[in-house]
Amino acid sequence: MTPKNIARAVGRLALDKNGLDIKILDLRKLSDVADYFVICSGSVDIHVKAIADSIVDKLKEKGVKVWHKEGYQALNWVLLDYVSVVVHIFRPEIRERYALEKLWGDAPLEVIE
C-alpha cells in the first residue's frame, strides 16, 4: 500500500469506529517526519483505545504493521507510527491543547466524513 492509501485506510477505519473530526494532513512538501499525519479524536479513553486497536488490527490483516506505538498507558493521545504515516488519536481536550492542525497549518488537508 502507498502512504496515501494507508492514510485513507486509517481515516476510514477511524470513521468505522465513530472517530471524531478525522483529518489527513499531507506533509510531503513540509517535513521529512512523515508523508502524512492522520488526526482524529475519541470521546473517552476507551474510545481512543478502540479506534487505535481497530487500526492496528485491520492494517495488520492487510500486511501493514505498525512500527511503533505510544500512549496506551494513559489513552489521552495514542500515536501509531507507520513510518510514512503517523496516526494521532486524541481525547478532545488533549487535541485542543496540542493543536497539531494549527502547528502544521500549511499542510494540505483532507477531511474524512
Protein backbone atom coordinates (compact mmCIF):
# COMPACT_ATOMS: atom_id res chain seq x y z
CA MET A 1 0.00 0.00 0.00
CA THR A 2 1.18 3.51 -0.75
CA PRO A 3 1.43 6.02 2.10
CA LYS A 4 -1.63 7.85 0.75
CA ASN A 5 -3.61 4.59 0.67
CA ILE A 6 -2.54 3.80 4.23
CA ALA A 7 -3.59 7.27 5.40
CA ARG A 8 -7.00 6.95 3.75
CA ALA A 9 -7.46 3.42 5.11
CA VAL A 10 -6.68 4.73 8.60
CA GLY A 11 -9.23 7.51 8.12
CA ARG A 12 -11.93 5.03 7.07
CA LEU A 13 -11.11 2.68 9.95
CA ALA A 14 -11.34 5.56 12.43
CA LEU A 15 -14.68 6.54 10.90
CA ASP A 16 -15.91 2.94 11.22
CA LYS A 17 -15.22 3.21 14.97
CA ASN A 18 -17.02 6.57 15.15
CA GLY A 19 -13.81 8.58 15.38
CA LEU A 20 -14.41 12.32 15.59
CA ASP A 21 -13.08 15.14 13.38
CA ILE A 22 -10.87 12.91 11.22
CA LYS A 23 -8.27 14.77 9.14
CA ILE A 24 -5.39 13.74 6.90
CA LEU A 25 -2.54 16.24 6.65
CA ASP A 26 -0.21 15.95 3.65
CA LEU A 27 3.26 16.77 4.96
CA ARG A 28 5.30 15.67 1.93
CA LYS A 29 6.35 19.21 0.95
CA LEU A 30 6.75 20.45 4.52
CA SER A 31 8.67 17.86 6.50
CA ASP A 32 10.70 14.68 6.48
CA VAL A 33 8.98 13.47 9.67
CA ALA A 34 6.32 11.59 7.69
CA ASP A 35 4.39 11.86 4.45
CA TYR A 36 1.02 12.05 6.21
CA PHE A 37 -0.47 12.64 9.63
CA VAL A 38 -3.91 11.25 10.34
CA ILE A 39 -5.50 13.05 13.27
CA CYS A 40 -8.75 12.13 14.99
CA SER A 41 -10.42 12.15 18.38
CA GLY A 42 -12.12 9.60 20.57
CA SER A 43 -14.69 10.83 23.06
CA VAL A 44 -13.26 8.97 26.10
CA ASP A 45 -10.20 6.82 26.82
CA ILE A 46 -11.85 3.51 25.90
CA HIS A 47 -12.98 5.06 22.60
CA VAL A 48 -9.40 6.16 21.86
CA LYS A 49 -8.24 2.58 22.54
CA ALA A 50 -10.97 1.05 20.36
CA ILE A 51 -10.01 3.27 17.42
CA ALA A 52 -6.29 2.53 17.83
CA ASP A 53 -6.81 -1.23 18.23
CA SER A 54 -9.02 -1.38 15.16
CA ILE A 55 -6.48 0.48 13.02
CA VAL A 56 -3.60 -1.76 14.16
CA ASP A 57 -5.58 -4.99 13.71
CA LYS A 58 -7.17 -4.19 10.34
CA LEU A 59 -3.97 -2.85 8.77
CA LYS A 60 -2.06 -5.88 10.06
CA GLU A 61 -4.58 -8.08 8.20
CA LYS A 62 -3.58 -6.19 5.03
CA GLY A 63 0.13 -6.76 5.71
CA VAL A 64 0.80 -3.27 7.09
CA LYS A 65 2.44 -3.48 10.51
CA VAL A 66 2.82 -0.66 12.99
CA TRP A 67 6.47 0.24 13.52
CA HIS A 68 5.98 1.93 16.90
CA LYS A 69 3.10 2.85 19.19
CA GLU A 70 2.85 5.09 22.24
CA GLY A 71 0.24 6.33 24.65
CA TYR A 72 -1.60 3.13 25.51
CA GLN A 73 -0.94 3.68 29.23
CA ALA A 74 -2.85 6.96 29.62
CA LEU A 75 -5.05 6.78 26.49
CA ASN A 76 -5.13 10.57 26.17
CA TRP A 77 -3.07 10.58 22.97
CA VAL A 78 -2.22 7.36 21.17
CA LEU A 79 0.41 7.60 18.45
CA LEU A 80 0.73 4.87 15.83
CA ASP A 81 3.84 5.17 13.69
CA TYR A 82 3.71 3.52 10.28
CA VAL A 83 6.90 5.39 9.25
CA SER A 84 5.43 7.26 6.27
CA VAL A 85 2.09 7.73 8.05
CA VAL A 86 1.78 8.79 11.68
CA VAL A 87 -1.62 8.42 13.33
CA HIS A 88 -2.62 10.64 16.27
CA ILE A 89 -5.73 9.63 18.23
CA PHE A 90 -6.60 12.18 20.91
CA ARG A 91 -9.10 12.82 23.63
CA PRO A 92 -10.74 16.12 22.53
CA GLU A 93 -9.23 18.29 25.28
CA ILE A 94 -5.72 16.97 24.59
CA ARG A 95 -6.12 17.53 20.86
CA GLU A 96 -7.15 21.11 21.51
CA ARG A 97 -4.15 21.68 23.78
CA TYR A 98 -1.55 20.44 21.28
CA ALA A 99 -3.33 21.79 18.17
CA LEU A 100 -1.34 19.80 15.60
CA GLU A 101 -3.59 21.05 12.80
CA LYS A 102 -2.55 24.62 13.63
CA LEU A 103 1.10 23.68 14.03
CA TRP A 104 1.02 22.12 10.54
CA GLY A 105 -1.41 24.72 9.21
CA ASP A 106 0.33 24.97 5.83
CA ALA A 107 -0.30 21.29 5.07
CA PRO A 108 -2.98 20.38 2.54
CA LEU A 109 -5.88 18.88 4.46
CA GLU A 110 -8.40 16.15 3.68
CA VAL A 111 -11.42 15.69 5.95
CA ILE A 112 -12.82 12.16 6.29
CA GLU A 113 -16.59 12.08 6.69
